[in-house]
C-alpha atoms as a PDB file:
ATOM      1  CA  UNK A   1      13.233  -8.681 -11.239  1.00  0.00           C
ATOM      2  CA  UNK A   2      15.335 -11.192 -12.734  1.00  0.00           C
ATOM      3  CA  UNK A   3      18.751 -10.025 -15.290  1.00  0.00           C
ATOM      4  CA  UNK A   4      21.354 -11.749 -16.655  1.00  0.00           C
ATOM      5  CA  UNK A   5      23.361  -9.289 -15.222  1.00  0.00           C
ATOM      6  CA  UNK A   6      24.371  -9.090 -11.612  1.00  0.00           C
ATOM      7  CA  UNK A   7      21.054  -6.702  -9.477  1.00  0.00           C
ATOM      8  CA  UNK A   8      22.790  -3.703  -8.205  1.00  0.00           C
ATOM      9  CA  UNK A   9      21.554  -3.925  -4.191  1.00  0.00           C
ATOM     10  CA  UNK A  10      21.474  -0.451  -1.501  1.00  0.00           C
ATOM     11  CA  UNK A  11      21.436  -0.667   2.446  1.00  0.00           C
ATOM     12  CA  UNK A  12      18.108   0.918   3.635  1.00  0.00           C
ATOM     13  CA  UNK A  13      17.766   3.039   6.205  1.00  0.00           C
ATOM     14  CA  UNK A  14      14.104   3.652   8.012  1.00  0.00           C
ATOM     15  CA  UNK A  15      12.027   6.845   6.356  1.00  0.00           C
ATOM     16  CA  UNK A  16      10.810   7.897   9.982  1.00  0.00           C
ATOM     17  CA  UNK A  17      13.697   9.818  10.240  1.00  0.00           C
ATOM     18  CA  UNK A  18      14.907   8.926  13.652  1.00  0.00           C
ATOM     19  CA  UNK A  19      18.374   7.562  11.914  1.00  0.00           C
ATOM     20  CA  UNK A  20      18.046   4.658  14.621  1.00  0.00           C
ATOM     21  CA  UNK A  21      20.326   1.088  13.328  1.00  0.00           C
ATOM     22  CA  UNK A  22      18.048  -1.089  12.415  1.00  0.00           C
ATOM     23  CA  UNK A  23      18.208  -4.565  14.251  1.00  0.00           C
ATOM     24  CA  UNK A  24      17.733  -7.980  12.210  1.00  0.00           C
ATOM     25  CA  UNK A  25      14.497  -8.979  11.570  1.00  0.00           C
ATOM     26  CA  UNK A  26      13.513 -12.484   9.992  1.00  0.00           C
ATOM     27  CA  UNK A  27      15.292 -14.211   6.869  1.00  0.00           C
ATOM     28  CA  UNK A  28      12.890 -15.441   4.084  1.00  0.00           C
ATOM     29  CA  UNK A  29      14.103 -17.929   1.420  1.00  0.00           C
ATOM     30  CA  UNK A  30      16.218 -14.942  -0.353  1.00  0.00           C
ATOM     31  CA  UNK A  31      15.696 -11.716   1.681  1.00  0.00           C
ATOM     32  CA  UNK A  32      17.101 -10.537   4.859  1.00  0.00           C
ATOM     33  CA  UNK A  33      14.607  -8.244   6.610  1.00  0.00           C
ATOM     34  CA  UNK A  34      15.938  -5.618   9.605  1.00  0.00           C
ATOM     35  CA  UNK A  35      13.575  -3.582  11.893  1.00  0.00           C
ATOM     36  CA  UNK A  36      13.720  -0.348  13.243  1.00  0.00           C
ATOM     37  CA  UNK A  37      14.136   0.142  16.929  1.00  0.00           C
ATOM     38  CA  UNK A  38      12.416   3.401  16.871  1.00  0.00           C
ATOM     39  CA  UNK A  39       9.062   2.928  14.857  1.00  0.00           C
ATOM     40  CA  UNK A  40       9.114  -0.613  14.594  1.00  0.00           C
ATOM     41  CA  UNK A  41       9.202  -0.592  10.987  1.00  0.00           C
ATOM     42  CA  UNK A  42      10.233  -3.734   8.875  1.00  0.00           C
ATOM     43  CA  UNK A  43      12.228  -3.623   6.007  1.00  0.00           C
ATOM     44  CA  UNK A  44      14.309  -4.935   2.981  1.00  0.00           C
ATOM     45  CA  UNK A  45      17.973  -4.523   3.374  1.00  0.00           C
ATOM     46  CA  UNK A  46      19.747  -4.680   0.943  1.00  0.00           C
ATOM     47  CA  UNK A  47      17.302  -4.199  -1.515  1.00  0.00           C
ATOM     48  CA  UNK A  48      17.937  -3.679  -5.372  1.00  0.00           C
ATOM     49  CA  UNK A  49      18.853  -0.122  -6.585  1.00  0.00           C
ATOM     50  CA  UNK A  50      16.177   2.574  -6.800  1.00  0.00           C
ATOM     51  CA  UNK A  51      16.434   2.338 -10.807  1.00  0.00           C
ATOM     52  CA  UNK A  52      16.146  -1.802 -10.888  1.00  0.00           C
ATOM     53  CA  UNK A  53      12.643  -1.466  -8.730  1.00  0.00           C
ATOM     54  CA  UNK A  54      11.203   1.192 -10.919  1.00  0.00           C
ATOM     55  CA  UNK A  55      12.642  -0.580 -13.962  1.00  0.00           C
ATOM     56  CA  UNK A  56      10.488  -3.999 -12.723  1.00  0.00           C
ATOM     57  CA  UNK A  57       7.106  -2.115 -12.066  1.00  0.00           C
ATOM     58  CA  UNK A  58       7.751  -0.213 -15.314  1.00  0.00           C
ATOM     59  CA  UNK A  59       7.825  -3.134 -17.678  1.00  0.00           C
ATOM     60  CA  UNK A  60       7.499  -6.427 -15.822  1.00  0.00           C
ATOM     61  CA  UNK A  61       5.010  -6.262 -12.787  1.00  0.00           C
ATOM     62  CA  UNK A  62       1.672  -5.981 -15.089  1.00  0.00           C
ATOM     63  CA  UNK A  63       3.106  -9.292 -16.707  1.00  0.00           C
ATOM     64  CA  UNK A  64       3.681 -11.374 -13.192  1.00  0.00           C
ATOM     65  CA  UNK A  65       0.779  -9.547 -11.264  1.00  0.00           C
ATOM     66  CA  UNK A  66      -0.248  -6.584 -12.468  1.00  0.00           C
ATOM     67  CA  UNK A  67      -3.470  -7.990 -14.318  1.00  0.00           C
ATOM     68  CA  UNK A  68      -4.169 -10.411 -11.116  1.00  0.00           C
ATOM     69  CA  UNK A  69      -4.451  -6.949  -8.729  1.00  0.00           C
ATOM     70  CA  UNK A  70      -7.326  -5.879 -11.069  1.00  0.00           C
ATOM     71  CA  UNK A  71      -9.277  -8.824 -10.737  1.00  0.00           C
ATOM     72  CA  UNK A  72     -12.427  -9.414  -9.507  1.00  0.00           C
ATOM     73  CA  UNK A  73     -11.105  -9.813  -5.808  1.00  0.00           C
ATOM     74  CA  UNK A  74      -9.905  -6.775  -5.099  1.00  0.00           C
ATOM     75  CA  UNK A  75     -13.077  -5.582  -5.326  1.00  0.00           C
ATOM     76  CA  UNK A  76     -14.174  -5.175  -1.335  1.00  0.00           C
ATOM     77  CA  UNK A  77     -10.500  -3.986  -1.063  1.00  0.00           C
ATOM     78  CA  UNK A  78     -11.336  -0.597  -3.137  1.00  0.00           C
ATOM     79  CA  UNK A  79     -14.827  -0.722  -1.380  1.00  0.00           C
ATOM     80  CA  UNK A  80     -13.424  -0.702   1.900  1.00  0.00           C
ATOM     81  CA  UNK A  81     -10.854   2.443   1.502  1.00  0.00           C
ATOM     82  CA  UNK A  82     -13.670   4.884  -0.458  1.00  0.00           C
ATOM     83  CA  UNK A  83     -16.146   4.332   2.258  1.00  0.00           C
ATOM     84  CA  UNK A  84     -13.702   5.190   4.784  1.00  0.00           C
ATOM     85  CA  UNK A  85     -12.677   7.955   3.040  1.00  0.00           C
ATOM     86  CA  UNK A  86     -16.333   9.014   2.552  1.00  0.00           C
ATOM     87  CA  UNK A  87     -16.206   8.948   6.369  1.00  0.00           C
ATOM     88  CA  UNK A  88     -14.037  11.491   6.378  1.00  0.00           C
ATOM     89  CA  UNK A  89     -14.207  13.779   2.791  1.00  0.00           C
ATOM     90  CA  UNK A  90     -17.492  13.542   0.948  1.00  0.00           C
ATOM     91  CA  UNK A  91     -17.168  14.768  -3.018  1.00  0.00           C
ATOM     92  CA  UNK A  92     -17.289  16.841  -4.845  1.00  0.00           C
ATOM     93  CA  UNK A  93     -13.414  17.184  -5.177  1.00  0.00           C
ATOM     94  CA  UNK A  94     -10.319  16.000  -7.427  1.00  0.00           C
ATOM     95  CA  UNK A  95      -8.816  12.616  -6.319  1.00  0.00           C
ATOM     96  CA  UNK A  96      -5.817  10.877  -6.991  1.00  0.00           C
ATOM     97  CA  UNK A  97      -5.035   7.527  -7.312  1.00  0.00           C
ATOM     98  CA  UNK A  98      -1.005   6.993  -6.882  1.00  0.00           C
ATOM     99  CA  UNK A  99      -0.571   3.601  -8.461  1.00  0.00           C
ATOM    100  CA  UNK A 100      -3.773   3.223  -9.946  1.00  0.00           C
ATOM    101  CA  UNK A 101      -3.686   0.415 -11.733  1.00  0.00           C
ATOM    102  CA  UNK A 102      -5.934  -0.297 -14.417  1.00  0.00           C
ATOM    103  CA  UNK A 103      -8.152   2.107 -12.518  1.00  0.00           C
ATOM    104  CA  UNK A 104     -10.641  -0.347 -10.833  1.00  0.00           C
ATOM    105  CA  UNK A 105     -10.645   1.913  -7.812  1.00  0.00           C
ATOM    106  CA  UNK A 106     -10.807   5.061  -9.550  1.00  0.00           C
ATOM    107  CA  UNK A 107     -14.264   3.958 -11.322  1.00  0.00           C
ATOM    108  CA  UNK A 108     -15.635   3.195  -7.574  1.00  0.00           C
ATOM    109  CA  UNK A 109     -14.389   6.832  -6.911  1.00  0.00           C
ATOM    110  CA  UNK A 110     -16.210   8.597 -10.025  1.00  0.00           C
ATOM    111  CA  UNK A 111     -19.195   6.626  -9.145  1.00  0.00           C
ATOM    112  CA  UNK A 112     -19.427   8.082  -5.898  1.00  0.00           C
ATOM    113  CA  UNK A 113     -18.704  11.948  -7.000  1.00  0.00           C
ATOM    114  CA  UNK A 114     -14.904  12.657  -7.143  1.00  0.00           C
ATOM    115  CA  UNK A 115     -13.169  13.935 -10.296  1.00  0.00           C
ATOM    116  CA  UNK A 116     -10.095  11.335 -10.333  1.00  0.00           C
ATOM    117  CA  UNK A 117      -6.840  11.099 -12.030  1.00  0.00           C
ATOM    118  CA  UNK A 118      -4.119   8.348 -11.001  1.00  0.00           C
ATOM    119  CA  UNK A 119      -0.375   7.747 -11.405  1.00  0.00           C
ATOM    120  CA  UNK A 120       0.922   4.683 -12.765  1.00  0.00           C
ATOM    121  CA  UNK A 121       4.319   3.323 -13.645  1.00  0.00           C
ATOM    122  CA  UNK A 122       3.085   0.423 -15.651  1.00  0.00           C
ATOM    123  CA  UNK A 123       2.889   0.679 -18.973  1.00  0.00           C
ATOM    124  CA  UNK A 124       0.392  -2.050 -19.370  1.00  0.00           C
ATOM    125  CA  UNK A 125      -2.349  -1.099 -16.587  1.00  0.00           C
ATOM    126  CA  UNK A 126      -1.835   2.630 -17.368  1.00  0.00           C
ATOM    127  CA  UNK A 127      -2.907   1.693 -21.226  1.00  0.00           C
ATOM    128  CA  UNK A 128      -5.723  -0.111 -19.370  1.00  0.00           C
ATOM    129  CA  UNK A 129      -6.906   2.394 -17.604  1.00  0.00           C
ATOM    130  CA  UNK A 130      -6.697   5.135 -19.970  1.00  0.00           C
ATOM    131  CA  UNK A 131      -8.726   2.480 -22.077  1.00  0.00           C
ATOM    132  CA  UNK A 132     -11.359   2.676 -19.526  1.00  0.00           C
ATOM    133  CA  UNK A 133     -11.428   7.060 -19.887  1.00  0.00           C
ATOM    134  CA  UNK A 134      -9.369   8.059 -16.889  1.00  0.00           C
ATOM    135  CA  UNK A 135      -6.280  10.469 -16.576  1.00  0.00           C
ATOM    136  CA  UNK A 136      -3.539   8.714 -16.049  1.00  0.00           C
ATOM    137  CA  UNK A 137      -0.417  10.739 -15.017  1.00  0.00           C
ATOM    138  CA  UNK A 138       3.326   9.144 -14.804  1.00  0.00           C
ATOM    139  CA  UNK A 139       5.318  10.285 -12.239  1.00  0.00           C
ATOM    140  CA  UNK A 140       7.096  12.970 -14.269  1.00  0.00           C
ATOM    141  CA  UNK A 141       3.877  14.387 -15.102  1.00  0.00           C
ATOM    142  CA  UNK A 142       2.918  14.716 -11.231  1.00  0.00           C
ATOM    143  CA  UNK A 143       5.926  16.833 -11.162  1.00  0.00           C
ATOM    144  CA  UNK A 144       4.745  19.705 -13.217  1.00  0.00           C
ATOM    145  CA  UNK A 145       1.343  20.159 -12.236  1.00  0.00           C
ATOM    146  CA  UNK A 146       0.141  23.260 -10.308  1.00  0.00           C
ATOM    147  CA  UNK A 147       0.614  22.238  -6.844  1.00  0.00           C
ATOM    148  CA  UNK A 148      -2.306  21.960  -4.292  1.00  0.00           C
ATOM    149  CA  UNK A 149      -4.547  20.872  -7.015  1.00  0.00           C
ATOM    150  CA  UNK A 150      -6.581  17.978  -5.119  1.00  0.00           C
ATOM    151  CA  UNK A 151      -8.642  17.133  -2.407  1.00  0.00           C
ATOM    152  CA  UNK A 152      -7.625  14.010  -2.075  1.00  0.00           C
ATOM    153  CA  UNK A 153      -4.993  11.612  -2.402  1.00  0.00           C
ATOM    154  CA  UNK A 154      -5.192   7.733  -2.279  1.00  0.00           C
ATOM    155  CA  UNK A 155      -2.690   4.615  -1.983  1.00  0.00           C
ATOM    156  CA  UNK A 156      -4.066   0.844  -2.018  1.00  0.00           C
ATOM    157  CA  UNK A 157      -0.841  -1.202  -1.588  1.00  0.00           C
ATOM    158  CA  UNK A 158       1.717   1.021  -2.699  1.00  0.00           C
ATOM    159  CA  UNK A 159       3.250   2.249   0.302  1.00  0.00           C
ATOM    160  CA  UNK A 160       4.908  -1.461   0.373  1.00  0.00           C
ATOM    161  CA  UNK A 161       6.141  -1.158  -2.668  1.00  0.00           C
ATOM    162  CA  UNK A 162       7.671   2.391  -3.073  1.00  0.00           C
ATOM    163  CA  UNK A 163      11.681   2.951  -2.543  1.00  0.00           C
ATOM    164  CA  UNK A 164      11.249   5.791  -0.467  1.00  0.00           C
ATOM    165  CA  UNK A 165       7.965   6.264   1.351  1.00  0.00           C
ATOM    166  CA  UNK A 166       8.476   9.431   2.998  1.00  0.00           C
ATOM    167  CA  UNK A 167       9.562  11.111  -0.483  1.00  0.00           C
ATOM    168  CA  UNK A 168       6.331   9.538  -1.632  1.00  0.00           C
ATOM    169  CA  UNK A 169       4.301  11.049   0.595  1.00  0.00           C
ATOM    170  CA  UNK A 170       6.255  14.305   0.702  1.00  0.00           C
ATOM    171  CA  UNK A 171       5.169  14.428  -2.894  1.00  0.00           C
ATOM    172  CA  UNK A 172       1.610  13.968  -2.547  1.00  0.00           C
ATOM    173  CA  UNK A 173       1.446  16.751   0.168  1.00  0.00           C
ATOM    174  CA  UNK A 174       2.788  19.443  -2.174  1.00  0.00           C
ATOM    175  CA  UNK A 175      -0.156  18.334  -4.536  1.00  0.00           C
ATOM    176  CA  UNK A 176      -2.651  18.467  -1.790  1.00  0.00           C
ATOM    177  CA  UNK A 177      -5.175  21.322  -1.251  1.00  0.00           C
ATOM    178  CA  UNK A 178      -4.406  23.090   2.363  1.00  0.00           C
ATOM    179  CA  UNK A 179      -6.538  21.066   4.224  1.00  0.00           C
ATOM    180  CA  UNK A 180      -6.146  17.594   1.839  1.00  0.00           C
ATOM    181  CA  UNK A 181      -7.096  13.987   2.778  1.00  0.00           C
ATOM    182  CA  UNK A 182      -4.657  11.016   2.739  1.00  0.00           C
ATOM    183  CA  UNK A 183      -6.185   7.435   2.638  1.00  0.00           C
ATOM    184  CA  UNK A 184      -3.447   4.392   2.634  1.00  0.00           C
ATOM    185  CA  UNK A 185      -3.688   1.110   2.796  1.00  0.00           C
ATOM    186  CA  UNK A 186      -1.091  -1.742   3.558  1.00  0.00           C
ATOM    187  CA  UNK A 187      -0.578  -4.863   4.292  1.00  0.00           C
ATOM    188  CA  UNK A 188      -0.250  -5.512   8.550  1.00  0.00           C
ATOM    189  CA  UNK A 189       3.181  -6.899   9.025  1.00  0.00           C
ATOM    190  CA  UNK A 190       2.904  -7.705  12.500  1.00  0.00           C
ATOM    191  CA  UNK A 191      -0.685 -10.124  11.053  1.00  0.00           C
ATOM    192  CA  UNK A 192       1.678 -11.405   8.176  1.00  0.00           C
ATOM    193  CA  UNK A 193       5.147 -12.357  10.749  1.00  0.00           C
ATOM    194  CA  UNK A 194       2.516 -13.934  13.016  1.00  0.00           C
ATOM    195  CA  UNK A 195       0.964 -16.104  10.588  1.00  0.00           C
ATOM    196  CA  UNK A 196       3.476 -17.035   8.153  1.00  0.00           C
ATOM    197  CA  UNK A 197       3.235 -20.941   9.095  1.00  0.00           C
ATOM    198  CA  UNK A 198      -0.181 -21.231   8.942  1.00  0.00           C
ATOM    199  CA  UNK A 199      -0.352 -19.779   5.505  1.00  0.00           C
ATOM    200  CA  UNK A 200       2.399 -22.350   4.013  1.00  0.00           C
ATOM    201  CA  UNK A 201       0.318 -24.928   4.898  1.00  0.00           C
ATOM    202  CA  UNK A 202      -2.530 -23.316   2.671  1.00  0.00           C
ATOM    203  CA  UNK A 203       0.522 -23.437  -0.006  1.00  0.00           C
ATOM    204  CA  UNK A 204       0.568 -20.126  -0.558  1.00  0.00           C
ATOM    205  CA  UNK A 205       3.925 -18.932  -1.606  1.00  0.00           C
ATOM    206  CA  UNK A 206       4.372 -16.894   1.221  1.00  0.00           C
ATOM    207  CA  UNK A 207       7.212 -14.568   0.713  1.00  0.00           C
ATOM    208  CA  UNK A 208       5.373 -12.926  -1.840  1.00  0.00           C
ATOM    209  CA  UNK A 209       3.405 -11.314   1.044  1.00  0.00           C
ATOM    210  CA  UNK A 210       6.605  -9.586   2.040  1.00  0.00           C
ATOM    211  CA  UNK A 211       7.664  -6.249  -0.230  1.00  0.00           C
ATOM    212  CA  UNK A 212      10.034  -3.826   0.715  1.00  0.00           C
ATOM    213  CA  UNK A 213       8.286  -2.222   3.749  1.00  0.00           C
ATOM    214  CA  UNK A 214       6.188  -4.061   6.202  1.00  0.00           C
ATOM    215  CA  UNK A 215       4.123  -1.694   8.226  1.00  0.00           C
ATOM    216  CA  UNK A 216       3.147  -1.923  11.575  1.00  0.00           C
ATOM    217  CA  UNK A 217      -0.296   0.213  12.616  1.00  0.00           C
ATOM    218  CA  UNK A 218       2.498   2.095  14.627  1.00  0.00           C
ATOM    219  CA  UNK A 219       5.179   2.460  12.252  1.00  0.00           C
ATOM    220  CA  UNK A 220       2.838   3.773   9.645  1.00  0.00           C
ATOM    221  CA  UNK A 221       1.409   6.127  11.994  1.00  0.00           C
ATOM    222  CA  UNK A 222       4.930   7.530  12.804  1.00  0.00           C
ATOM    223  CA  UNK A 223       5.625   8.221   9.531  1.00  0.00           C
ATOM    224  CA  UNK A 224       2.523   9.992   8.112  1.00  0.00           C
ATOM    225  CA  UNK A 225       2.796  11.850  11.569  1.00  0.00           C
ATOM    226  CA  UNK A 226       6.430  12.759  10.304  1.00  0.00           C
ATOM    227  CA  UNK A 227       5.734  13.874   6.590  1.00  0.00           C
ATOM    228  CA  UNK A 228       2.760  16.303   8.648  1.00  0.00           C
ATOM    229  CA  UNK A 229      -0.397  14.873   8.842  1.00  0.00           C
ATOM    230  CA  UNK A 230      -2.977  14.644  11.404  1.00  0.00           C
ATOM    231  CA  UNK A 231      -3.791  10.975  11.329  1.00  0.00           C
ATOM    232  CA  UNK A 232      -7.919  10.484  12.023  1.00  0.00           C
ATOM    233  CA  UNK A 233      -8.753   7.395  11.856  1.00  0.00           C
ATOM    234  CA  UNK A 234      -6.780   3.936  11.468  1.00  0.00           C
ATOM    235  CA  UNK A 235      -8.700   0.480  11.422  1.00  0.00           C
ATOM    236  CA  UNK A 236      -8.793  -3.247   9.807  1.00  0.00           C
ATOM    237  CA  UNK A 237      -9.648  -3.253   6.123  1.00  0.00           C
ATOM    238  CA  UNK A 238     -11.789  -5.608   4.312  1.00  0.00           C
ATOM    239  CA  UNK A 239      -9.592  -8.573   2.286  1.00  0.00           C
ATOM    240  CA  UNK A 240      -9.615  -9.528  -0.678  1.00  0.00           C
ATOM    241  CA  UNK A 241     -10.800 -12.830  -1.920  1.00  0.00           C
ATOM    242  CA  UNK A 242      -7.307 -14.101  -1.867  1.00  0.00           C
ATOM    243  CA  UNK A 243      -4.566 -15.440  -4.257  1.00  0.00           C
ATOM    244  CA  UNK A 244      -6.511 -19.400  -4.291  1.00  0.00           C
ATOM    245  CA  UNK A 245      -9.118 -19.771  -7.505  1.00  0.00           C
ATOM    246  CA  UNK A 246     -10.714 -22.443  -9.112  1.00  0.00           C
ATOM    247  CA  UNK A 247      -7.698 -23.076 -10.988  1.00  0.00           C
ATOM    248  CA  UNK A 248      -6.123 -24.575  -7.294  1.00  0.00           C
ATOM    249  CA  UNK A 249      -7.385 -28.420  -6.065  1.00  0.00           C
ATOM    250  CA  UNK A 250     -10.015 -27.919  -4.161  1.00  0.00           C
ATOM    251  CA  UNK A 251      -8.259 -29.549  -0.803  1.00  0.00           C
ATOM    252  CA  UNK A 252      -5.789 -26.180  -1.358  1.00  0.00           C
ATOM    253  CA  UNK A 253      -8.969 -23.799  -1.997  1.00  0.00           C
ATOM    254  CA  UNK A 254     -10.978 -25.340   1.592  1.00  0.00           C
ATOM    255  CA  UNK A 255      -7.855 -24.544   3.289  1.00  0.00           C
ATOM    256  CA  UNK A 256      -7.520 -21.156   2.253  1.00  0.00           C
ATOM    257  CA  UNK A 257     -11.344 -20.334   3.055  1.00  0.00           C
ATOM    258  CA  UNK A 258     -10.484 -21.907   6.280  1.00  0.00           C
ATOM    259  CA  UNK A 259      -7.638 -20.480   7.677  1.00  0.00           C
ATOM    260  CA  UNK A 260      -8.264 -16.796   5.721  1.00  0.00           C
ATOM    261  CA  UNK A 261     -11.619 -16.911   7.146  1.00  0.00           C
ATOM    262  CA  UNK A 262     -10.866 -17.838  10.687  1.00  0.00           C
ATOM    263  CA  UNK A 263      -8.078 -15.335  10.868  1.00  0.00           C
ATOM    264  CA  UNK A 264      -9.973 -12.253   9.691  1.00  0.00           C
ATOM    265  CA  UNK A 265     -13.017 -13.065  11.655  1.00  0.00           C
ATOM    266  CA  UNK A 266     -11.180 -13.451  14.809  1.00  0.00           C
ATOM    267  CA  UNK A 267      -8.993 -10.269  13.854  1.00  0.00           C
ATOM    268  CA  UNK A 268     -12.619  -8.302  13.425  1.00  0.00           C
ATOM    269  CA  UNK A 269     -13.725  -9.389  16.885  1.00  0.00           C
ATOM    270  CA  UNK A 270     -10.369  -8.288  18.245  1.00  0.00           C
ATOM    271  CA  UNK A 271     -11.007  -4.645  16.940  1.00  0.00           C
ATOM    272  CA  UNK A 272     -14.279  -4.268  18.050  1.00  0.00           C
ATOM    273  CA  UNK A 273     -13.606  -6.073  21.371  1.00  0.00           C
ATOM    274  CA  UNK A 274     -10.845  -3.542  22.175  1.00  0.00           C
ATOM    275  CA  UNK A 275     -12.819  -0.637  20.327  1.00  0.00           C
ATOM    276  CA  UNK A 276     -10.491  -0.258  17.879  1.00  0.00           C
ATOM    277  CA  UNK A 277      -7.196  -0.223  19.293  1.00  0.00           C
ATOM    278  CA  UNK A 278      -6.324  -3.896  18.274  1.00  0.00           C
ATOM    279  CA  UNK A 279      -5.771  -3.701  14.250  1.00  0.00           C
ATOM    280  CA  UNK A 280      -4.799  -7.377  13.580  1.00  0.00           C
ATOM    281  CA  UNK A 281      -6.252  -7.710   9.913  1.00  0.00           C
ATOM    282  CA  UNK A 282      -4.147  -8.986   7.131  1.00  0.00           C
ATOM    283  CA  UNK A 283      -4.166  -4.910   6.014  1.00  0.00           C
ATOM    284  CA  UNK A 284      -4.702  -1.592   7.691  1.00  0.00           C
ATOM    285  CA  UNK A 285      -6.192   1.754   6.164  1.00  0.00           C
ATOM    286  CA  UNK A 286      -4.746   4.671   7.637  1.00  0.00           C
ATOM    287  CA  UNK A 287      -7.228   7.940   7.169  1.00  0.00           C
ATOM    288  CA  UNK A 288      -5.028  11.483   7.466  1.00  0.00           C
ATOM    289  CA  UNK A 289      -5.717  15.286   7.233  1.00  0.00           C
ATOM    290  CA  UNK A 290      -2.708  17.694   6.117  1.00  0.00           C
ATOM    291  CA  UNK A 291      -1.757  19.739   9.463  1.00  0.00           C
ATOM    292  CA  UNK A 292      -2.238  23.610   8.083  1.00  0.00           C
ATOM    293  CA  UNK A 293       1.070  25.133   6.644  1.00  0.00           C
ATOM    294  CA  UNK A 294       2.835  21.759   7.034  1.00  0.00           C
ATOM    295  CA  UNK A 295       4.326  21.325   3.000  1.00  0.00           C
ATOM    296  CA  UNK A 296       6.290  18.004   3.506  1.00  0.00           C
ATOM    297  CA  UNK A 297       8.500  15.556   4.938  1.00  0.00           C
ATOM    298  CA  UNK A 298      10.983  17.350   6.802  1.00  0.00           C
ATOM    299  CA  UNK A 299      14.412  15.825   5.078  1.00  0.00           C
ATOM    300  CA  UNK A 300      12.612  15.065   1.294  1.00  0.00           C
END
């Protein structure tokens, strides 16, 4: 989000709704992160204004990262989220994918039997998804849809990047059927905070792993329950193949595979030995069901 003019910044409160004053968490090279003492959520504060963030994702994100997000290394991620959702809700039904990118995840869901629609801010990514035959809505379009339309809503690595995740989930609640399902994948803040040093050794620009919000499993559970959902399952997510490609040196690729593979194996082992209580993979997934009679987050 680089502009010739100064970027408008704003302070942030935790979306968990408990009103606790955040404390210092850590500094990245150009950013300051704070933590909510009530739920443990870590977030950027101060940060660019909502208008600045939306403009970046609409105009610039696709050129910087969006094309990479649609590459083949994301297929294990998409397959993992879909398999998790199918354990709790099988098609037929209508599915809404928020932040659908170029439609790769919707393609898998459509093949599984879902009738899919997506929401995408990035103009370039939305155009590629429509070229594949997907219905892609803008956030404004979504506001005008009939409520209670979707049986499942998915957010794959989206809640880290939105300026008001509680409002986002509240808006999704209005679009769901009375027993609608919510599938979320986010980066695991506890994992990423712990491995900053070894990942830098691999040569990654590691500050990119920290977005507007950095969730722990407890922080995401707290937010989702606050917004009127019952959490059904929370588990490790399959990792993507990573940011290292054949364009990088063999040494960097080897270091990434050794470190990334070792950490993923350790996370999987910890999850199994703890009977699912220890979720420590680089990313995790949550499946939740809308509670009967609950319409939206209390403060949205």
